[in-house]
Amino acid sequence: MEDDKKFSYFFLGLGIGVAAGILFAPKSGAETRELLREKADEGKDYVKRRSEDLKDSANDLLDKSKQAIARQKEQLAAAVEAGRSAYREKVDAVTPISDPGDEIIEGV
């Protein structure tokens, strides 16, 4: 949000500066046009640098997000496996292991 405001203020200032420069230019028309071209090029370079910076920041944020998601996924998988293991241990401790051939036959 702040970057949007900065861009807006930059372009507003650029426009006001150009208008004031044209109105109060102590230079000839050719010199003024050259100055305007230079300032436009400076503005274009600024926007280009800023967009590259924002792109790099976005890529860094995306990489960090991917890493965080991978860590969370690993932690969740480990927690699920620990839960399964604990469940198996509890079930094995409670359920006696019996052999089907060990049935008690009454009356024999």
N, C-alpha and C. Protein backbone atom coordinates (compact mmCIF):
# COMPACT_ATOMS: atom_id res chain seq x y z
N MET A 1 0.81 -1.18 0.00
CA MET A 1 0.00 0.00 0.00
C MET A 1 0.86 1.26 0.00
N GLU A 2 1.90 1.25 0.83
CA GLU A 2 2.76 2.43 0.91
C GLU A 2 3.46 2.68 -0.41
N ASP A 3 3.86 1.60 -1.09
CA ASP A 3 4.54 1.76 -2.37
C ASP A 3 3.61 2.40 -3.40
N ASP A 4 2.32 2.05 -3.35
CA ASP A 4 1.36 2.67 -4.27
C ASP A 4 1.27 4.17 -4.01
N LYS A 5 1.26 4.55 -2.74
CA LYS A 5 1.20 5.97 -2.40
C LYS A 5 2.48 6.68 -2.86
N LYS A 6 3.60 6.00 -2.68
CA LYS A 6 4.87 6.61 -3.10
C LYS A 6 4.89 6.84 -4.60
N PHE A 7 4.38 5.86 -5.36
CA PHE A 7 4.33 6.03 -6.82
C PHE A 7 3.40 7.18 -7.18
N SER A 8 2.26 7.25 -6.52
CA SER A 8 1.31 8.32 -6.80
C SER A 8 1.93 9.67 -6.52
N TYR A 9 2.58 9.79 -5.37
CA TYR A 9 3.22 11.07 -5.02
C TYR A 9 4.36 11.39 -5.99
N PHE A 10 5.09 10.37 -6.39
CA PHE A 10 6.17 10.59 -7.34
C PHE A 10 5.64 11.16 -8.64
N PHE A 11 4.60 10.53 -9.19
CA PHE A 11 4.06 11.00 -10.46
C PHE A 11 3.38 12.35 -10.32
N LEU A 12 2.73 12.61 -9.19
CA LEU A 12 2.14 13.91 -8.95
C LEU A 12 3.23 14.98 -8.91
N GLY A 13 4.30 14.70 -8.19
CA GLY A 13 5.42 15.64 -8.12
C GLY A 13 6.08 15.83 -9.47
N LEU A 14 6.19 14.75 -10.23
CA LEU A 14 6.77 14.84 -11.57
C LEU A 14 5.93 15.74 -12.46
N GLY A 15 4.62 15.55 -12.40
CA GLY A 15 3.72 16.38 -13.21
C GLY A 15 3.76 17.83 -12.82
N ILE A 16 3.74 18.09 -11.54
CA ILE A 16 3.79 19.48 -11.06
C ILE A 16 5.14 20.11 -11.44
N GLY A 17 6.20 19.34 -11.29
CA GLY A 17 7.52 19.85 -11.65
C GLY A 17 7.64 20.17 -13.13
N VAL A 18 7.09 19.32 -13.96
CA VAL A 18 7.13 19.56 -15.40
C VAL A 18 6.32 20.80 -15.74
N ALA A 19 5.12 20.91 -15.16
CA ALA A 19 4.28 22.07 -15.44
C ALA A 19 4.96 23.36 -14.98
N ALA A 20 5.52 23.35 -13.78
CA ALA A 20 6.21 24.54 -13.28
C ALA A 20 7.44 24.84 -14.13
N GLY A 21 8.12 23.80 -14.54
CA GLY A 21 9.31 24.00 -15.37
C GLY A 21 8.98 24.63 -16.72
N ILE A 22 7.88 24.22 -17.29
CA ILE A 22 7.48 24.79 -18.58
C ILE A 22 7.06 26.25 -18.41
N LEU A 23 6.30 26.52 -17.35
CA LEU A 23 5.81 27.89 -17.14
C LEU A 23 6.93 28.88 -16.80
N PHE A 24 7.87 28.45 -16.02
CA PHE A 24 8.90 29.36 -15.54
C PHE A 24 10.28 29.06 -16.13
N ALA A 25 10.31 28.44 -17.28
CA ALA A 25 11.58 28.04 -17.88
C ALA A 25 12.37 29.25 -18.35
N PRO A 26 13.59 29.39 -17.82
CA PRO A 26 14.44 30.50 -18.27
C PRO A 26 15.23 30.12 -19.53
N LYS A 27 14.96 28.94 -20.05
CA LYS A 27 15.72 28.44 -21.19
C LYS A 27 14.89 28.54 -22.46
N SER A 28 15.55 28.33 -23.58
CA SER A 28 14.85 28.35 -24.87
C SER A 28 13.99 27.10 -25.03
N GLY A 29 13.17 27.07 -26.03
CA GLY A 29 12.29 25.93 -26.28
C GLY A 29 13.04 24.64 -26.48
N ALA A 30 14.12 24.67 -27.26
CA ALA A 30 14.90 23.46 -27.52
C ALA A 30 15.53 22.95 -26.23
N GLU A 31 16.07 23.86 -25.43
CA GLU A 31 16.68 23.46 -24.16
C GLU A 31 15.63 22.90 -23.22
N THR A 32 14.46 23.51 -23.21
CA THR A 32 13.38 23.04 -22.33
C THR A 32 12.93 21.64 -22.77
N ARG A 33 12.78 21.43 -24.07
CA ARG A 33 12.39 20.10 -24.55
C ARG A 33 13.43 19.04 -24.19
N GLU A 34 14.70 19.42 -24.31
CA GLU A 34 15.78 18.50 -23.93
C GLU A 34 15.70 18.17 -22.44
N LEU A 35 15.46 19.18 -21.64
CA LEU A 35 15.32 18.98 -20.20
C LEU A 35 14.14 18.05 -19.90
N LEU A 36 13.02 18.28 -20.59
CA LEU A 36 11.86 17.43 -20.39
C LEU A 36 12.15 15.98 -20.78
N ARG A 37 12.86 15.79 -21.87
CA ARG A 37 13.25 14.44 -22.29
C ARG A 37 14.11 13.77 -21.22
N GLU A 38 15.06 14.53 -20.70
CA GLU A 38 15.94 13.98 -19.66
C GLU A 38 15.14 13.59 -18.42
N LYS A 39 14.24 14.47 -18.02
CA LYS A 39 13.44 14.18 -16.83
C LYS A 39 12.52 12.98 -17.08
N ALA A 40 11.96 12.90 -18.28
CA ALA A 40 11.11 11.75 -18.60
C ALA A 40 11.94 10.47 -18.57
N ASP A 41 13.15 10.52 -19.09
CA ASP A 41 14.03 9.35 -19.05
C ASP A 41 14.37 8.98 -17.61
N GLU A 42 14.62 9.99 -16.79
CA GLU A 42 14.91 9.73 -15.37
C GLU A 42 13.70 9.06 -14.71
N GLY A 43 12.51 9.56 -15.01
CA GLY A 43 11.30 8.96 -14.45
C GLY A 43 11.12 7.53 -14.92
N LYS A 44 11.39 7.29 -16.19
CA LYS A 44 11.27 5.94 -16.74
C LYS A 44 12.29 5.01 -16.08
N ASP A 45 13.51 5.50 -15.90
CA ASP A 45 14.54 4.68 -15.24
C ASP A 45 14.15 4.38 -13.80
N TYR A 46 13.59 5.39 -13.12
CA TYR A 46 13.16 5.20 -11.73
C TYR A 46 12.09 4.12 -11.66
N VAL A 47 11.09 4.22 -12.54
CA VAL A 47 10.01 3.23 -12.54
C VAL A 47 10.56 1.84 -12.86
N LYS A 48 11.49 1.77 -13.79
CA LYS A 48 12.08 0.48 -14.16
C LYS A 48 12.83 -0.13 -12.97
N ARG A 49 13.64 0.69 -12.29
CA ARG A 49 14.38 0.19 -11.12
C ARG A 49 13.42 -0.25 -10.03
N ARG A 50 12.40 0.55 -9.79
CA ARG A 50 11.43 0.23 -8.74
C ARG A 50 10.70 -1.06 -9.07
N SER A 51 10.31 -1.24 -10.33
CA SER A 51 9.59 -2.46 -10.70
C SER A 51 10.49 -3.68 -10.56
N GLU A 52 11.78 -3.53 -10.89
CA GLU A 52 12.71 -4.64 -10.70
C GLU A 52 12.89 -4.96 -9.22
N ASP A 53 12.97 -3.91 -8.39
CA ASP A 53 13.08 -4.12 -6.94
C ASP A 53 11.85 -4.83 -6.40
N LEU A 54 10.68 -4.40 -6.85
CA LEU A 54 9.45 -5.04 -6.39
C LEU A 54 9.37 -6.48 -6.87
N LYS A 55 9.82 -6.73 -8.08
CA LYS A 55 9.82 -8.10 -8.61
C LYS A 55 10.75 -8.98 -7.77
N ASP A 56 11.94 -8.46 -7.45
CA ASP A 56 12.88 -9.22 -6.62
C ASP A 56 12.29 -9.48 -5.24
N SER A 57 11.65 -8.47 -4.66
CA SER A 57 11.04 -8.63 -3.35
C SER A 57 9.93 -9.69 -3.40
N ALA A 58 9.14 -9.64 -4.45
CA ALA A 58 8.06 -10.62 -4.59
C ALA A 58 8.63 -12.04 -4.74
N ASN A 59 9.69 -12.18 -5.51
CA ASN A 59 10.32 -13.49 -5.67
C ASN A 59 10.89 -13.99 -4.36
N ASP A 60 11.52 -13.10 -3.59
CA ASP A 60 12.06 -13.49 -2.29
C ASP A 60 10.93 -13.93 -1.36
N LEU A 61 9.86 -13.18 -1.36
CA LEU A 61 8.72 -13.52 -0.51
C LEU A 61 8.12 -14.86 -0.93
N LEU A 62 8.03 -15.09 -2.23
CA LEU A 62 7.51 -16.36 -2.73
C LEU A 62 8.40 -17.52 -2.31
N ASP A 63 9.72 -17.34 -2.41
CA ASP A 63 10.64 -18.40 -1.99
C ASP A 63 10.52 -18.69 -0.50
N LYS A 64 10.43 -17.63 0.30
CA LYS A 64 10.29 -17.82 1.75
C LYS A 64 8.98 -18.52 2.08
N SER A 65 7.92 -18.17 1.35
CA SER A 65 6.62 -18.80 1.58
C SER A 65 6.68 -20.28 1.24
N LYS A 66 7.32 -20.61 0.12
CA LYS A 66 7.45 -22.02 -0.27
C LYS A 66 8.23 -22.79 0.78
N GLN A 67 9.29 -22.19 1.31
CA GLN A 67 10.09 -22.87 2.33
C GLN A 67 9.27 -23.07 3.61
N ALA A 68 8.50 -22.06 3.98
CA ALA A 68 7.68 -22.17 5.19
C ALA A 68 6.62 -23.25 5.02
N ILE A 69 6.02 -23.32 3.84
CA ILE A 69 5.01 -24.35 3.59
C ILE A 69 5.64 -25.73 3.63
N ALA A 70 6.83 -25.86 3.06
CA ALA A 70 7.52 -27.16 3.08
C ALA A 70 7.83 -27.58 4.52
N ARG A 71 8.28 -26.62 5.34
CA ARG A 71 8.56 -26.95 6.75
C ARG A 71 7.28 -27.37 7.47
N GLN A 72 6.20 -26.64 7.24
CA GLN A 72 4.93 -26.99 7.89
C GLN A 72 4.45 -28.36 7.44
N LYS A 73 4.63 -28.66 6.16
CA LYS A 73 4.23 -29.96 5.63
C LYS A 73 5.03 -31.07 6.29
N GLU A 74 6.34 -30.87 6.45
CA GLU A 74 7.18 -31.87 7.11
C GLU A 74 6.78 -32.05 8.57
N GLN A 75 6.50 -30.94 9.25
CA GLN A 75 6.10 -31.03 10.65
C GLN A 75 4.76 -31.75 10.79
N LEU A 76 3.84 -31.46 9.88
CA LEU A 76 2.54 -32.12 9.92
C LEU A 76 2.69 -33.62 9.66
N ALA A 77 3.51 -33.97 8.68
CA ALA A 77 3.74 -35.39 8.38
C ALA A 77 4.37 -36.09 9.59
N ALA A 78 5.32 -35.42 10.24
CA ALA A 78 5.94 -36.02 11.42
C ALA A 78 4.93 -36.17 12.55
N ALA A 79 4.06 -35.20 12.73
CA ALA A 79 3.05 -35.28 13.78
C ALA A 79 2.05 -36.40 13.49
N VAL A 80 1.65 -36.54 12.24
CA VAL A 80 0.72 -37.62 11.87
C VAL A 80 1.38 -38.97 12.11
N GLU A 81 2.62 -39.10 11.72
CA GLU A 81 3.33 -40.37 11.92
C GLU A 81 3.50 -40.66 13.41
N ALA A 82 3.78 -39.65 14.21
CA ALA A 82 3.90 -39.85 15.65
C ALA A 82 2.56 -40.28 16.24
N GLY A 83 1.48 -39.70 15.74
CA GLY A 83 0.14 -40.09 16.20
C GLY A 83 -0.18 -41.53 15.84
N ARG A 84 0.16 -41.91 14.62
CA ARG A 84 -0.07 -43.30 14.19
C ARG A 84 0.73 -44.27 15.05
N SER A 85 1.98 -43.91 15.29
CA SER A 85 2.86 -44.77 16.09
C SER A 85 2.32 -44.92 17.51
N ALA A 86 1.90 -43.81 18.10
CA ALA A 86 1.35 -43.86 19.45
C ALA A 86 0.07 -44.69 19.49
N TYR A 87 -0.76 -44.55 18.47
CA TYR A 87 -1.99 -45.34 18.39
C TYR A 87 -1.67 -46.83 18.30
N ARG A 88 -0.72 -47.18 17.43
CA ARG A 88 -0.34 -48.59 17.28
C ARG A 88 0.18 -49.16 18.60
N GLU A 89 1.03 -48.39 19.28
CA GLU A 89 1.58 -48.86 20.56
C GLU A 89 0.47 -49.08 21.57
N LYS A 90 -0.48 -48.18 21.60
CA LYS A 90 -1.57 -48.29 22.58
C LYS A 90 -2.46 -49.48 22.25
N VAL A 91 -2.77 -49.65 20.96
CA VAL A 91 -3.62 -50.78 20.55
C VAL A 91 -2.90 -52.09 20.82
N ASP A 92 -1.61 -52.16 20.53
CA ASP A 92 -0.86 -53.39 20.77
C ASP A 92 -0.76 -53.69 22.26
N ALA A 93 -0.69 -52.68 23.09
CA ALA A 93 -0.59 -52.89 24.53
C ALA A 93 -1.91 -53.35 25.12
N VAL A 94 -3.02 -52.92 24.56
CA VAL A 94 -4.33 -53.25 25.10
C VAL A 94 -4.85 -54.57 24.55
N THR A 95 -4.65 -54.83 23.30
CA THR A 95 -5.18 -56.04 22.67
C THR A 95 -4.20 -57.18 22.83
N PRO A 96 -4.61 -58.25 23.52
CA PRO A 96 -3.71 -59.39 23.65
C PRO A 96 -3.63 -60.12 22.30
N ILE A 97 -2.49 -60.58 22.03
CA ILE A 97 -2.28 -61.32 20.80
C ILE A 97 -2.62 -62.77 21.08
N SER A 98 -3.59 -63.28 20.35
CA SER A 98 -3.99 -64.67 20.57
C SER A 98 -3.90 -65.44 19.27
N ASP A 99 -3.67 -66.71 19.43
CA ASP A 99 -3.57 -67.59 18.27
C ASP A 99 -4.93 -68.26 18.11
N PRO A 100 -5.48 -68.26 16.91
CA PRO A 100 -6.81 -68.89 16.73
C PRO A 100 -6.81 -70.37 17.10
N GLY A 101 -5.71 -71.03 17.10
CA GLY A 101 -5.66 -72.45 17.45
C GLY A 101 -5.66 -72.66 18.96
N ASP A 102 -5.61 -71.61 19.74
CA ASP A 102 -5.58 -71.71 21.19
C ASP A 102 -6.96 -71.65 21.81
N GLU A 103 -8.01 -71.94 21.05
CA GLU A 103 -9.36 -71.85 21.57
C GLU A 103 -9.56 -72.93 22.63
N ILE A 104 -10.31 -72.58 23.64
CA ILE A 104 -10.61 -73.55 24.70
C ILE A 104 -11.85 -74.33 24.28
N ILE A 105 -11.74 -75.60 24.29
CA ILE A 105 -12.86 -76.46 23.92
C ILE A 105 -13.38 -77.09 25.19
N GLU A 106 -14.63 -76.82 25.46
CA GLU A 106 -15.24 -77.33 26.68
C GLU A 106 -15.77 -78.74 26.43
N GLY A 107 -15.67 -79.49 27.41
CA GLY A 107 -16.22 -80.83 27.35
C GLY A 107 -15.28 -81.84 26.70
N VAL A 108 -14.12 -81.51 26.48
CA VAL A 108 -13.20 -82.47 25.89
C VAL A 108 -12.29 -83.05 26.93
